[in-house]
Protein backbone atom coordinates (compact mmCIF):
# COMPACT_ATOMS: atom_id res chain seq x y z
CA MET A 1 -7.16 -13.27 4.70
CA LEU A 2 -7.95 -9.58 4.17
CA ASN A 3 -11.10 -8.47 5.95
CA LEU A 4 -12.04 -5.30 4.08
CA LYS A 5 -14.67 -4.24 6.62
CA ASN A 6 -11.88 -3.53 9.13
CA MET A 7 -10.18 -1.06 6.76
CA LYS A 8 -10.17 2.55 7.97
CA LEU A 9 -9.68 5.49 5.63
CA ARG A 10 -7.17 7.52 7.66
CA PRO A 11 -4.50 4.79 8.09
CA LEU A 12 -5.00 3.81 4.45
CA LEU A 13 -4.35 7.38 3.29
CA VAL A 14 -1.29 7.66 5.53
CA HIS A 15 0.12 4.42 4.12
CA LEU A 16 -0.62 5.57 0.55
CA ILE A 17 1.06 8.95 1.00
CA VAL A 18 4.15 7.57 2.72
CA THR A 19 4.70 4.70 0.32
CA LEU A 20 4.04 6.69 -2.85
CA LEU A 21 6.46 9.51 -1.98
CA TYR A 22 9.53 7.74 -3.34
CA PRO A 23 8.00 6.44 -6.61
CA VAL A 24 6.46 9.82 -7.45
CA PHE A 25 9.64 11.71 -6.55
CA ARG A 26 11.75 9.25 -8.54
CA ALA A 27 9.48 9.57 -11.58
CA CYS A 28 9.54 13.37 -11.36
CA ILE A 29 13.33 13.58 -11.39
CA ALA A 30 13.75 11.01 -14.18
CA GLU A 31 14.81 12.59 -17.45
CA THR A 32 13.29 9.95 -19.73
CA ASP A 33 10.79 7.11 -19.38
CA LYS A 34 9.02 8.59 -16.35
CA LEU A 35 6.22 6.02 -16.46
CA LEU A 36 8.70 3.14 -16.62
CA VAL A 37 10.62 4.51 -13.65
CA PHE A 38 7.37 4.93 -11.72
CA ALA A 39 6.26 1.37 -12.54
CA ASP A 40 9.65 -0.01 -11.49
CA ALA A 41 9.60 1.94 -8.22
CA ILE A 42 6.10 0.82 -7.22
CA THR A 43 7.03 -2.75 -8.13
CA ILE A 44 9.94 -2.64 -5.68
CA ILE A 45 7.87 -0.88 -3.00
CA GLY A 46 5.05 -3.38 -3.55
CA LEU A 47 7.34 -6.38 -3.14
CA VAL A 48 8.84 -4.98 0.06
CA MET A 49 5.36 -4.27 1.40
CA ILE A 50 4.20 -7.80 0.57
CA VAL A 51 7.09 -9.25 2.57
CA GLY A 52 6.22 -6.97 5.48
CA GLY A 53 2.55 -7.85 5.08
CA ILE A 54 3.28 -11.57 5.21
CA ILE A 55 5.23 -11.11 8.44
CA TYR A 56 2.41 -8.98 9.86
CA ALA A 57 -0.13 -11.64 8.78
CA LEU A 58 1.86 -14.23 10.71
CA TYR A 59 1.70 -11.94 13.73
CA LEU A 60 -2.06 -11.43 13.31
CA HIS A 61 -2.62 -15.19 13.09
CA GLY A 62 -0.78 -15.69 16.38
CA ASP A 63 2.36 -17.43 15.18
CA PHE A 64 4.55 -15.38 17.54
CA ASP A 65 2.30 -15.50 20.62
CA ILE A 66 4.26 -18.07 22.58
CA SER A 67 7.53 -16.19 22.14
CA GLY A 68 5.82 -12.93 23.12
CA TYR A 69 4.46 -14.53 26.26
CA LEU A 70 7.83 -16.03 27.16
CA LEU A 71 9.56 -12.69 26.66
CA LYS A 72 6.99 -10.92 28.79
CA ARG A 73 7.22 -13.61 31.45
CA GLY A 74 11.02 -13.43 31.46
CA VAL A 75 10.95 -9.70 32.19
CA GLN A 76 8.57 -10.08 35.14
CA LYS A 77 9.76 -11.52 38.43
CA GLU A 78 6.50 -13.38 38.96
CA PRO A 79 4.17 -14.25 36.10
CA LYS A 80 0.96 -12.37 36.81
CA GLN A 81 -0.90 -13.83 33.87
CA THR A 82 -1.41 -17.33 32.58
CA TYR A 83 -0.75 -18.13 28.94
CA PHE A 84 -4.46 -18.43 28.15
CA ALA A 85 -5.24 -15.07 29.75
CA TYR A 86 -2.38 -13.57 27.73
CA LEU A 87 -3.82 -15.10 24.53
CA TYR A 88 -7.25 -13.71 25.31
CA ASP A 89 -5.81 -10.20 25.75
CA VAL A 90 -3.73 -10.43 22.58
CA TYR A 91 -6.64 -11.69 20.46
CA ALA A 92 -8.87 -8.92 21.81
CA LYS A 93 -6.29 -6.32 20.71
CA ARG A 94 -5.99 -7.83 17.23
CA GLU A 95 -9.69 -8.22 16.56
CA GLY A 96 -10.11 -5.09 14.42
CA ALA A 97 -6.68 -5.13 12.77
CA PHE A 98 -6.23 -4.77 9.03
CA ASN A 99 -3.11 -5.68 7.05
CA TYR A 100 -2.53 -2.45 5.11
CA SER A 101 0.95 -3.52 4.00
CA LEU A 102 -0.24 -6.66 2.27
CA PHE A 103 -3.25 -4.93 0.73
CA LEU A 104 -1.25 -2.00 -0.67
CA GLY A 105 1.61 -4.25 -1.78
CA LEU A 106 -0.80 -6.32 -3.87
CA LEU A 107 -2.46 -3.16 -5.15
CA TYR A 108 0.91 -1.67 -6.17
CA LEU A 109 1.95 -4.84 -7.98
CA ALA A 110 -1.37 -4.93 -9.83
CA THR A 111 -0.95 -1.25 -10.74
CA ALA A 112 2.59 -1.81 -12.00
CA LEU A 113 1.43 -4.77 -14.02
CA LEU A 114 -1.43 -2.78 -15.52
CA LEU A 115 0.82 0.20 -16.29
CA SER A 116 3.43 -1.94 -17.96
CA TRP A 117 0.85 -3.92 -19.93
CA LEU A 118 -1.07 -0.88 -21.18
CA PHE A 119 1.51 1.85 -21.66
CA ILE A 120 5.04 0.50 -21.73
């Protein structure tokens, strides 16, 4: 599932900053119930990120490899690579990948749940 040893700090911080911009901005401009607005915003962002993370997890598990190979083969006049050589290259590229979207989506939902349970 999520291999935490492949997580790198820089991409994690970039994902955190980009995805928290809207909830923080939305909470800052809210006139009342700032914490409720923040919890609602990170719930929505978290759900969207979980959907994206599930699609990315399918990609990481190789569910789209055959279609990727067929698209690549269709562009080339002569196939220079067999399917198994293509799979070897694709798996080598994905070896150190981490699903930041799924991880942060679950983290945001847990945070929203905790915020709403403790403070709202």
